[in-house]
Amino acid sequence: MATATSHPAKATEFVKNSERAAWHDRTLWFVRAKRDKAAESVPEWETLRERASQIKKYTMTNMAELLEQFERQAKANGIQVHWAKDAAEHNEIVLKLLQSHDVKKVVKSKSMLTEECHLNPFLERNDIEVVDTDLGEWIVQLREEPPSHIVMPAIHTKREEIGELFHEKIGTEKGATDPQYLTEAARQELRQRFLAADAGITGVNFAVAETGGIVVCTNEGNADLGTSLPKLHIACMGIEKVIPRQKDLAVFLRLLARSATGQPITTYSTHFHGPREPGCEMHIVLVDNGRSEILGSDDFRRSLNCIRCGACMNTCPVYRRSGGHSYSNTVPGPIGSILAPSQDAQTHSSLPYACSLCGSCSDVCPVKINLHEQLYTWRSKLVLKGLLPVSKKLPMQVAAGVLSRPWLYRLAGRFGRFALRYLPRFMIYNPLNDWGNQRELPVPPKQSFRQLYEQRKKKR
């Protein structure tokens, strides 16, 4: 039985609106198609993927040394480095830094790590105003809901809904749906937030051990503006974001944007190597939050190779049809279905089954993570942990019983010759199956059982 927070239960809610579910599916597949065209335009694409995979393998093997090297180089650049073992410690470090500078207003660029740590509500409970300045992140913040995609946070929201939201929150014209008008209205509103901010918080796409610098990739320039005006810049990064050398960046930057949105490169790839001027401060918070445990797992270590491009989500038939919120996790889709159980297997036990094992996610992954194989492995882990629900266990036991008895298998086959002429449509098209209601199968001819029997007799 699906619980209220399980993927099947939330997916059922999403697909009840068949029009929205179909639109969501088409929109993400459009992005996937752009990714394919971008990849085909690079003759050495597969070489880049293999190279990126090798760099990440080296990184995971030498993680401790690379992080220590990064810390040394960052400190030499005038950056203050902090270490956090979990989300709570990360949030406390950020809060103390803000309070020590008497910060009351913060502008924040997109950061999945801070979403993972639930930083926004934590700071708001401590009387600090936080504004997400990425347009998609700001939209979901105004809607008081989490992002549904790691690259396109508001992909589940239609422009008519955004128009109504902006009319209610910032006073745009009622009924306005023109993207250019709405974007300009958001730009003007956010500009005031940038000017009033006391500190800027960013995520980190890549941290280079060789130089002690970090790289932040955006398409809107909000990270640049959010760190250029305030005197305090706090960058929050998971420890897996480190890479060995400056020249390795070229490999990942060529893969990242093409895999994420089909662009040759993100509009802004900003390098930070220290405070921008005297009197300013730059801090980097390195966060573990369960990553070391994954690093120690032979089965799931490669999931830490992820560069958060979202390509696996755009291609996944389950994600496209069930929506990001159905995963109840900061990172949804195939990669999230691996990472989430690693942190809390019981809560997220349904996610490894939110997968058709088609392998499309592994095919498009720019760093060649074997995503579908890891999801399959997680299923066996859940069985060993005693977390397989009866709804899945019982049918498998029945199937095993039939397949292990030839006489029963033959009997079932004979019965199926007649029964399967009627059962499939009833099983797929019924009021209890929202997924099936969106499928289109050919309608079988209306024939009586007697007519079918006579046809079968003639064939003999």
Protein backbone atom coordinates (compact mmCIF):
# COMPACT_ATOMS: atom_id res chain seq x y z
CA MET A 1 0.00 0.00 0.00
CA ALA A 2 1.46 3.35 -1.06
CA THR A 3 1.96 5.83 1.77
CA ALA A 4 1.16 9.52 1.41
CA THR A 5 4.83 10.36 0.89
CA SER A 6 5.70 7.46 -1.41
CA HIS A 7 6.42 7.99 -5.08
CA PRO A 8 3.39 5.99 -6.33
CA ALA A 9 1.00 8.03 -4.16
CA LYS A 10 2.39 11.40 -5.23
CA ALA A 11 2.70 10.33 -8.85
CA THR A 12 -0.96 9.35 -8.81
CA GLU A 13 -1.85 12.88 -7.73
CA PHE A 14 0.28 14.38 -10.51
CA VAL A 15 -1.18 12.29 -13.34
CA LYS A 16 -4.75 13.03 -12.31
CA ASN A 17 -4.33 16.18 -14.38
CA SER A 18 -3.66 14.35 -17.63
CA GLU A 19 -3.24 17.56 -19.64
CA ARG A 20 -0.52 18.87 -17.32
CA ALA A 21 1.22 15.49 -17.17
CA ALA A 22 1.32 15.26 -20.97
CA TRP A 23 2.59 18.85 -21.24
CA HIS A 24 5.31 18.13 -18.66
CA ASP A 25 6.36 15.06 -20.62
CA ARG A 26 6.59 16.95 -23.93
CA THR A 27 8.48 19.88 -22.41
CA LEU A 28 11.20 17.73 -20.89
CA TRP A 29 11.54 15.61 -24.00
CA PHE A 30 12.06 18.82 -25.99
CA VAL A 31 15.03 19.60 -23.73
CA ARG A 32 16.31 16.05 -24.15
CA ALA A 33 16.12 16.46 -27.94
CA LYS A 34 18.15 19.68 -27.70
CA ARG A 35 20.75 17.79 -25.70
CA ASP A 36 21.01 15.16 -28.44
CA LYS A 37 21.57 17.79 -31.13
CA ALA A 38 24.21 19.52 -29.02
CA ALA A 39 26.02 16.24 -28.36
CA GLU A 40 25.96 15.27 -32.04
CA SER A 41 27.59 18.59 -32.92
CA VAL A 42 30.72 17.57 -30.96
CA PRO A 43 32.61 14.79 -32.76
CA GLU A 44 34.63 13.94 -29.66
CA TRP A 45 31.56 13.75 -27.39
CA GLU A 46 32.08 10.17 -26.26
CA THR A 47 35.78 10.88 -25.68
CA LEU A 48 34.83 13.79 -23.42
CA ARG A 49 32.40 11.60 -21.48
CA GLU A 50 35.06 8.95 -20.96
CA ARG A 51 37.61 11.56 -19.93
CA ALA A 52 35.18 13.10 -17.44
CA SER A 53 34.45 9.68 -16.00
CA GLN A 54 38.17 9.01 -15.52
CA ILE A 55 38.73 12.38 -13.83
CA LYS A 56 35.88 11.69 -11.44
CA LYS A 57 37.19 8.20 -10.72
CA TYR A 58 40.57 9.70 -9.82
CA THR A 59 38.83 12.32 -7.68
CA MET A 60 36.85 9.78 -5.69
CA THR A 61 39.96 7.67 -5.16
CA ASN A 62 41.96 10.66 -3.88
CA MET A 63 39.16 12.69 -2.29
CA ALA A 64 40.87 13.39 1.05
CA GLU A 65 44.12 14.60 -0.51
CA LEU A 66 42.34 16.78 -3.06
CA LEU A 67 40.15 18.43 -0.42
CA GLU A 68 43.18 19.20 1.73
CA GLN A 69 44.99 20.63 -1.28
CA PHE A 70 41.94 22.73 -2.13
CA GLU A 71 41.76 24.06 1.43
CA ARG A 72 45.45 25.03 1.41
CA GLN A 73 45.20 26.83 -1.91
CA ALA A 74 41.93 28.55 -1.01
CA LYS A 75 43.39 29.86 2.24
CA ALA A 76 46.44 31.10 0.34
CA ASN A 77 43.99 33.05 -1.84
CA GLY A 78 42.48 34.73 1.21
CA ILE A 79 39.38 32.52 1.37
CA GLN A 80 38.19 31.21 4.73
CA VAL A 81 37.29 27.51 4.62
CA HIS A 82 34.83 25.75 6.94
CA TRP A 83 33.98 22.06 7.26
CA ALA A 84 30.49 20.72 8.02
CA LYS A 85 29.74 17.08 8.73
CA ASP A 86 25.99 17.39 8.11
CA ALA A 87 23.17 19.76 7.18
CA ALA A 88 22.68 21.04 10.72
CA GLU A 89 26.34 21.98 11.09
CA HIS A 90 26.31 23.65 7.67
CA ASN A 91 23.32 25.77 8.61
CA GLU A 92 24.88 26.80 11.92
CA ILE A 93 28.12 27.84 10.22
CA VAL A 94 26.27 30.00 7.70
CA LEU A 95 24.09 31.54 10.42
CA LYS A 96 27.08 32.45 12.59
CA LEU A 97 28.84 34.06 9.64
CA LEU A 98 25.78 36.13 8.82
CA GLN A 99 25.15 37.12 12.42
CA SER A 100 28.79 38.09 12.94
CA HIS A 101 28.40 40.56 10.06
CA ASP A 102 24.97 41.77 11.28
CA VAL A 103 23.36 40.52 8.04
CA LYS A 104 19.59 40.85 7.78
CA LYS A 105 19.06 40.40 4.03
CA VAL A 106 20.63 37.72 1.84
CA VAL A 107 20.48 37.11 -1.92
CA LYS A 108 21.13 33.54 -2.95
CA SER A 109 21.86 32.01 -6.33
CA LYS A 110 20.80 28.48 -7.22
CA SER A 111 22.31 25.92 -4.85
CA MET A 112 20.99 22.38 -4.56
CA LEU A 113 23.15 21.87 -1.48
CA THR A 114 21.38 24.64 0.45
CA GLU A 115 18.08 23.11 -0.68
CA GLU A 116 19.32 19.76 0.61
CA CYS A 117 20.19 21.38 3.96
CA HIS A 118 16.92 23.39 4.08
CA LEU A 119 18.92 26.56 4.65
CA ASN A 120 16.22 29.05 3.66
CA PRO A 121 13.65 28.16 6.32
CA PHE A 122 16.43 27.84 8.90
CA LEU A 123 17.66 31.39 8.25
CA GLU A 124 14.13 32.76 8.13
CA ARG A 125 13.44 31.26 11.55
CA ASN A 126 16.42 33.29 12.73
CA ASP A 127 15.04 36.57 11.34
CA ILE A 128 17.18 36.69 8.19
CA GLU A 129 15.45 37.41 4.89
CA VAL A 130 16.57 35.13 2.04
CA VAL A 131 15.70 35.76 -1.60
CA ASP A 132 16.46 33.21 -4.30
CA THR A 133 17.58 35.19 -7.34
CA ASP A 134 17.49 32.48 -10.00
CA LEU A 135 14.17 33.15 -11.74
CA GLY A 136 12.93 29.57 -11.47
CA GLU A 137 14.02 29.30 -7.84
CA TRP A 138 12.35 32.62 -7.05
CA ILE A 139 9.10 31.44 -8.61
CA VAL A 140 8.97 28.28 -6.48
CA GLN A 141 9.99 30.31 -3.43
CA LEU A 142 7.03 32.64 -4.01
CA ARG A 143 4.81 29.58 -4.46
CA GLU A 144 6.19 28.18 -1.17
CA GLU A 145 7.17 24.86 -2.68
CA PRO A 146 10.47 23.09 -3.42
CA PRO A 147 12.06 22.94 -6.88
CA SER A 148 10.85 20.09 -9.08
CA HIS A 149 14.01 19.94 -11.21
CA ILE A 150 17.63 20.71 -10.40
CA VAL A 151 18.23 22.85 -13.50
CA MET A 152 14.70 24.09 -14.27
CA PRO A 153 13.17 24.46 -10.81
CA ALA A 154 9.77 25.70 -12.01
CA ILE A 155 9.41 23.44 -15.06
CA HIS A 156 6.16 22.08 -13.62
CA THR A 157 4.58 25.57 -13.64
CA LYS A 158 2.76 27.06 -16.62
CA ARG A 159 3.18 30.71 -17.58
CA GLU A 160 -0.49 31.41 -16.84
CA GLU A 161 0.14 30.36 -13.25
CA ILE A 162 3.30 32.46 -13.10
CA GLY A 163 1.36 35.44 -14.40
CA GLU A 164 -1.21 35.07 -11.63
CA LEU A 165 1.57 34.59 -9.07
CA PHE A 166 3.37 37.76 -10.14
CA HIS A 167 0.12 39.71 -10.18
CA GLU A 168 -0.51 38.66 -6.59
CA LYS A 169 3.06 39.08 -5.29
CA ILE A 170 4.59 41.98 -7.25
CA GLY A 171 1.62 43.69 -8.86
CA THR A 172 1.97 42.84 -12.55
CA GLU A 173 -1.02 43.19 -14.87
CA LYS A 174 -3.73 40.66 -14.20
CA GLY A 175 -3.89 37.97 -16.85
CA ALA A 176 -0.43 38.78 -18.25
CA THR A 177 1.30 35.72 -19.72
CA ASP A 178 3.93 37.20 -22.03
CA PRO A 179 7.30 35.70 -20.95
CA GLN A 180 9.26 38.86 -21.82
CA TYR A 181 6.94 41.06 -19.77
CA LEU A 182 6.97 38.72 -16.78
CA THR A 183 10.75 38.29 -16.94
CA GLU A 184 11.30 42.04 -17.04
CA ALA A 185 8.97 42.50 -14.06
CA ALA A 186 10.95 39.89 -12.13
CA ARG A 187 14.23 41.55 -13.13
CA GLN A 188 13.10 44.92 -11.79
CA GLU A 189 11.86 43.41 -8.53
CA LEU A 190 15.00 41.34 -7.97
CA ARG A 191 17.26 44.29 -8.77
CA GLN A 192 15.97 46.02 -5.64
CA ARG A 193 16.75 42.91 -3.61
CA PHE A 194 20.32 42.84 -4.94
CA LEU A 195 20.87 46.48 -4.00
CA ALA A 196 19.54 45.97 -0.47
CA ALA A 197 21.41 42.72 0.29
CA ASP A 198 24.00 42.49 3.05
CA ALA A 199 25.46 39.16 1.85
CA GLY A 200 25.45 36.83 -1.13
CA ILE A 201 25.26 33.02 -0.96
CA THR A 202 26.10 30.84 -3.95
CA GLY A 203 26.46 27.19 -4.70
CA VAL A 204 29.52 25.69 -6.37
CA ASN A 205 29.61 23.80 -9.65
CA PHE A 206 33.31 22.96 -9.53
CA ALA A 207 36.10 23.50 -7.00
CA VAL A 208 39.65 23.21 -8.37
CA ALA A 209 42.14 21.66 -5.94
CA GLU A 210 45.12 22.93 -7.91
CA THR A 211 44.14 26.62 -7.63
CA GLY A 212 41.81 26.79 -4.63
CA GLY A 213 39.23 28.53 -6.81
CA ILE A 214 35.59 27.74 -7.48
CA VAL A 215 33.40 28.02 -10.58
CA VAL A 216 29.71 28.96 -10.55
CA CYS A 217 27.68 28.47 -13.74
CA THR A 218 24.48 30.45 -14.37
CA ASN A 219 22.45 31.66 -17.33
CA GLU A 220 21.12 34.81 -15.68
CA GLY A 221 24.21 36.36 -14.10
CA ASN A 222 22.48 36.42 -10.72
CA ALA A 223 25.44 34.80 -8.93
CA ASP A 224 27.75 37.50 -10.30
CA LEU A 225 25.50 40.35 -9.20
CA GLY A 226 24.75 38.72 -5.84
CA THR A 227 28.45 38.51 -5.00
CA SER A 228 29.58 41.81 -6.53
CA LEU A 229 27.49 44.19 -4.42
CA PRO A 230 27.63 42.79 -0.84
CA LYS A 231 30.95 42.59 1.00
CA LEU A 232 30.31 39.03 2.23
CA HIS A 233 30.24 36.02 -0.11
CA ILE A 234 29.48 32.54 1.25
CA ALA A 235 29.86 29.59 -1.14
CA CYS A 236 28.32 26.26 -0.07
CA MET A 237 29.53 23.06 -1.72
CA GLY A 238 29.32 19.33 -1.34
CA ILE A 239 32.73 17.72 -1.05
CA GLU A 240 32.20 15.78 -4.30
CA LYS A 241 32.38 19.02 -6.34
CA VAL A 242 36.19 19.12 -6.14
CA ILE A 243 38.21 18.32 -9.28
CA PRO A 244 42.01 17.97 -9.51
CA ARG A 245 43.28 20.55 -12.01
CA GLN A 246 42.37 23.78 -13.77
CA LYS A 247 42.63 22.16 -17.19
CA ASP A 248 40.03 19.55 -16.16
CA LEU A 249 37.44 22.32 -16.15
CA ALA A 250 37.42 22.42 -19.96
CA VAL A 251 36.12 18.86 -20.08
CA PHE A 252 33.26 19.44 -17.65
CA LEU A 253 32.22 22.85 -18.98
CA ARG A 254 31.84 21.40 -22.49
CA LEU A 255 29.66 18.60 -21.12
CA LEU A 256 27.58 20.45 -18.52
CA ALA A 257 25.53 22.96 -20.52
CA ARG A 258 25.05 20.68 -23.52
CA SER A 259 23.73 17.92 -21.27
CA ALA A 260 21.54 20.26 -19.21
CA THR A 261 19.86 22.51 -21.76
CA GLY A 262 21.47 21.87 -25.13
CA GLN A 263 23.57 25.05 -24.96
CA PRO A 264 27.24 25.08 -26.05
CA ILE A 265 28.10 26.66 -22.69
CA THR A 266 26.33 28.43 -19.84
CA THR A 267 26.00 32.18 -20.34
CA TYR A 268 28.11 32.89 -17.24
CA SER A 269 30.88 30.59 -15.99
CA THR A 270 32.33 32.71 -13.19
CA HIS A 271 35.64 31.92 -11.48
CA PHE A 272 36.15 33.01 -7.87
CA HIS A 273 39.68 32.98 -6.46
CA GLY A 274 39.27 35.07 -3.34
CA PRO A 275 37.61 38.21 -1.95
CA ARG A 276 37.01 40.68 -4.76
CA GLU A 277 38.70 43.62 -2.97
CA PRO A 278 40.12 44.66 0.42
CA GLY A 279 37.44 44.83 3.07
CA CYS A 280 35.42 42.01 1.50
CA GLU A 281 35.27 38.41 2.74
CA MET A 282 34.79 35.11 0.98
CA HIS A 283 33.95 31.91 2.82
CA ILE A 284 33.56 28.36 1.51
CA VAL A 285 31.63 25.74 3.49
CA LEU A 286 32.59 22.16 2.60
CA VAL A 287 29.73 19.78 3.42
CA ASP A 288 29.75 16.01 3.82
CA ASN A 289 26.15 15.19 4.85
CA GLY A 290 26.40 11.46 4.07
CA ARG A 291 28.72 11.72 1.08
CA SER A 292 31.59 9.91 2.84
CA GLU A 293 29.31 6.96 3.48
CA ILE A 294 28.42 6.78 -0.21
CA LEU A 295 32.12 7.14 -1.08
CA GLY A 296 32.81 4.03 0.98
CA SER A 297 30.24 1.98 -0.95
CA ASP A 298 31.48 -0.07 -3.90
CA ASP A 299 27.94 -0.22 -5.27
CA PHE A 300 27.04 3.48 -5.20
CA ARG A 301 30.34 5.40 -5.18
CA ARG A 302 29.94 6.41 -8.83
CA SER A 303 26.75 8.32 -8.01
CA LEU A 304 29.00 10.99 -6.50
CA ASN A 305 30.36 11.66 -10.01
CA CYS A 306 27.14 13.56 -10.77
CA ILE A 307 27.66 17.14 -12.03
CA ARG A 308 23.95 18.02 -11.58
CA CYS A 309 23.11 18.56 -15.25
CA GLY A 310 19.63 17.02 -15.00
CA ALA A 311 19.98 15.06 -18.25
CA CYS A 312 18.84 11.84 -16.59
CA MET A 313 15.61 13.56 -15.51
CA ASN A 314 14.88 14.96 -18.96
CA THR A 315 15.10 11.51 -20.54
CA CYS A 316 13.52 9.39 -17.77
CA PRO A 317 10.04 8.18 -18.81
CA VAL A 318 9.00 7.90 -15.17
CA TYR A 319 10.18 11.36 -14.10
CA ARG A 320 8.68 13.02 -17.17
CA ARG A 321 5.27 11.50 -16.45
CA SER A 322 5.21 11.74 -12.65
CA GLY A 323 6.78 15.16 -11.93
CA GLY A 324 9.69 16.07 -9.68
CA HIS A 325 7.65 16.62 -6.52
CA SER A 326 6.54 12.98 -6.54
CA TYR A 327 10.07 12.00 -5.42
CA SER A 328 9.86 13.91 -2.10
CA ASN A 329 13.58 14.62 -2.34
CA THR A 330 15.76 17.63 -3.14
CA VAL A 331 17.28 15.81 -6.12
CA PRO A 332 14.56 13.88 -8.00
CA GLY A 333 14.78 11.57 -10.99
CA PRO A 334 17.17 8.63 -11.45
CA ILE A 335 20.15 10.16 -9.64
CA GLY A 336 17.93 11.26 -6.75
CA SER A 337 16.50 7.75 -6.54
CA ILE A 338 20.03 6.53 -5.79
CA LEU A 339 21.13 9.32 -3.45
CA ALA A 340 17.95 9.57 -1.36
CA PRO A 341 17.88 5.94 -0.12
CA SER A 342 21.57 6.31 0.76
CA GLN A 343 20.55 8.92 3.34
CA ASP A 344 17.27 7.36 4.48
CA ALA A 345 16.41 3.99 2.96
CA GLN A 346 13.16 3.54 4.85
CA THR A 347 11.67 6.91 3.91
CA HIS A 348 12.71 6.64 0.26
CA SER A 349 12.26 2.91 -0.25
CA SER A 350 9.84 3.46 -3.16
CA LEU A 351 12.27 5.50 -5.30
CA PRO A 352 14.44 2.68 -6.74
CA TYR A 353 11.18 1.27 -8.17
CA ALA A 354 10.35 4.58 -9.88
CA CYS A 355 12.34 3.28 -12.83
CA SER A 356 11.65 1.20 -15.93
CA LEU A 357 15.32 0.06 -16.09
CA CYS A 358 15.37 1.22 -19.72
CA GLY A 359 18.92 2.53 -19.28
CA SER A 360 18.27 5.85 -21.02
CA CYS A 361 19.57 7.74 -17.98
CA SER A 362 22.92 5.95 -18.18
CA ASP A 363 23.10 6.60 -21.92
CA VAL A 364 22.83 10.38 -21.55
CA CYS A 365 24.85 10.85 -18.35
CA PRO A 366 27.85 13.07 -19.26
CA VAL A 367 30.08 11.35 -16.69
CA LYS A 368 28.89 7.83 -17.54
CA ILE A 369 27.29 6.91 -14.21
CA ASN A 370 25.69 3.46 -14.45
CA LEU A 371 22.43 4.82 -13.07
CA HIS A 372 20.03 2.04 -14.02
CA GLU A 373 22.40 -0.62 -12.68
CA GLN A 374 22.67 1.19 -9.35
CA LEU A 375 18.88 1.47 -9.15
CA TYR A 376 18.62 -2.26 -9.76
CA THR A 377 21.20 -2.86 -7.03
CA TRP A 378 19.21 -0.70 -4.64
CA ARG A 379 16.21 -2.97 -5.12
CA SER A 380 18.17 -5.95 -3.85
CA LYS A 381 19.48 -3.85 -0.94
CA LEU A 382 15.93 -2.95 0.05
CA VAL A 383 14.96 -6.62 0.11
CA LEU A 384 17.89 -7.40 2.40
CA LYS A 385 16.86 -4.52 4.66
CA GLY A 386 13.31 -5.90 4.83
CA LEU A 387 11.88 -2.79 3.16
CA LEU A 388 10.21 -4.41 0.15
CA PRO A 389 6.45 -3.75 0.41
CA VAL A 390 3.99 -6.65 0.32
CA SER A 391 2.45 -5.17 -2.85
CA LYS A 392 5.71 -5.97 -4.65
CA LYS A 393 6.77 -9.06 -2.71
CA LEU A 394 3.53 -11.05 -3.17
CA PRO A 395 3.30 -10.77 -7.00
CA MET A 396 6.94 -11.81 -7.30
CA GLN A 397 6.33 -14.84 -5.09
CA VAL A 398 3.32 -15.81 -7.21
CA ALA A 399 5.35 -15.40 -10.41
CA ALA A 400 8.18 -17.50 -8.95
CA GLY A 401 5.71 -20.21 -8.02
CA VAL A 402 4.26 -20.34 -11.54
CA LEU A 403 7.59 -20.20 -13.34
CA SER A 404 9.12 -22.95 -11.19
CA ARG A 405 6.29 -25.44 -11.99
CA PRO A 406 6.11 -26.38 -15.71
CA TRP A 407 2.61 -27.83 -15.44
CA LEU A 408 1.29 -24.65 -13.81
CA TYR A 409 3.09 -22.51 -16.38
CA ARG A 410 1.46 -24.49 -19.24
CA LEU A 411 -1.95 -24.23 -17.62
CA ALA A 412 -1.56 -20.49 -17.21
CA GLY A 413 -0.52 -20.21 -20.86
CA ARG A 414 -3.61 -22.06 -22.05
CA PHE A 415 -5.86 -19.91 -19.94
CA GLY A 416 -4.08 -16.80 -21.17
CA ARG A 417 -4.83 -17.56 -24.81
CA PHE A 418 -8.44 -16.67 -24.17
CA ALA A 419 -8.26 -14.45 -21.11
CA LEU A 420 -5.67 -12.05 -22.49
CA ARG A 421 -8.04 -11.09 -25.29
CA TYR A 422 -10.14 -9.31 -22.67
CA LEU A 423 -8.04 -8.66 -19.59
CA PRO A 424 -5.42 -6.19 -20.85
CA ARG A 425 -7.85 -3.37 -21.64
CA PHE A 426 -9.70 -3.90 -18.39
CA MET A 427 -6.48 -4.00 -16.38
CA ILE A 428 -5.00 -0.93 -18.05
CA TYR A 429 -8.12 1.15 -18.64
CA ASN A 430 -9.99 1.35 -15.36
CA PRO A 431 -10.88 4.19 -12.96
CA LEU A 432 -8.24 3.06 -10.44
CA ASN A 433 -5.31 3.29 -12.87
CA ASP A 434 -4.46 6.93 -13.67
CA TRP A 435 -1.32 5.91 -15.54
CA GLY A 436 -3.24 3.58 -17.81
CA ASN A 437 -5.90 6.15 -18.55
CA GLN A 438 -3.27 8.16 -20.47
CA ARG A 439 -2.17 5.30 -22.70
CA GLU A 440 -3.64 4.66 -26.13
CA LEU A 441 -3.99 1.03 -27.18
CA PRO A 442 -5.84 -0.29 -30.22
CA VAL A 443 -9.44 -1.23 -29.45
CA PRO A 444 -9.97 -5.00 -29.95
CA PRO A 445 -12.88 -6.12 -32.12
CA LYS A 446 -16.11 -6.79 -30.28
CA GLN A 447 -16.52 -10.53 -30.60
CA SER A 448 -18.36 -13.02 -28.48
CA PHE A 449 -16.59 -15.86 -26.78
CA ARG A 450 -18.39 -18.25 -29.18
CA GLN A 451 -17.03 -16.39 -32.24
CA LEU A 452 -13.50 -16.46 -30.85
CA TYR A 453 -13.85 -20.18 -30.16
CA GLU A 454 -15.04 -20.88 -33.73
CA GLN A 455 -12.13 -18.87 -35.18
CA ARG A 456 -9.71 -20.83 -33.04
CA LYS A 457 -11.32 -24.12 -34.16
CA LYS A 458 -10.99 -23.22 -37.86
CA LYS A 459 -7.27 -22.38 -37.44
CA ARG A 460 -6.70 -25.86 -36.08
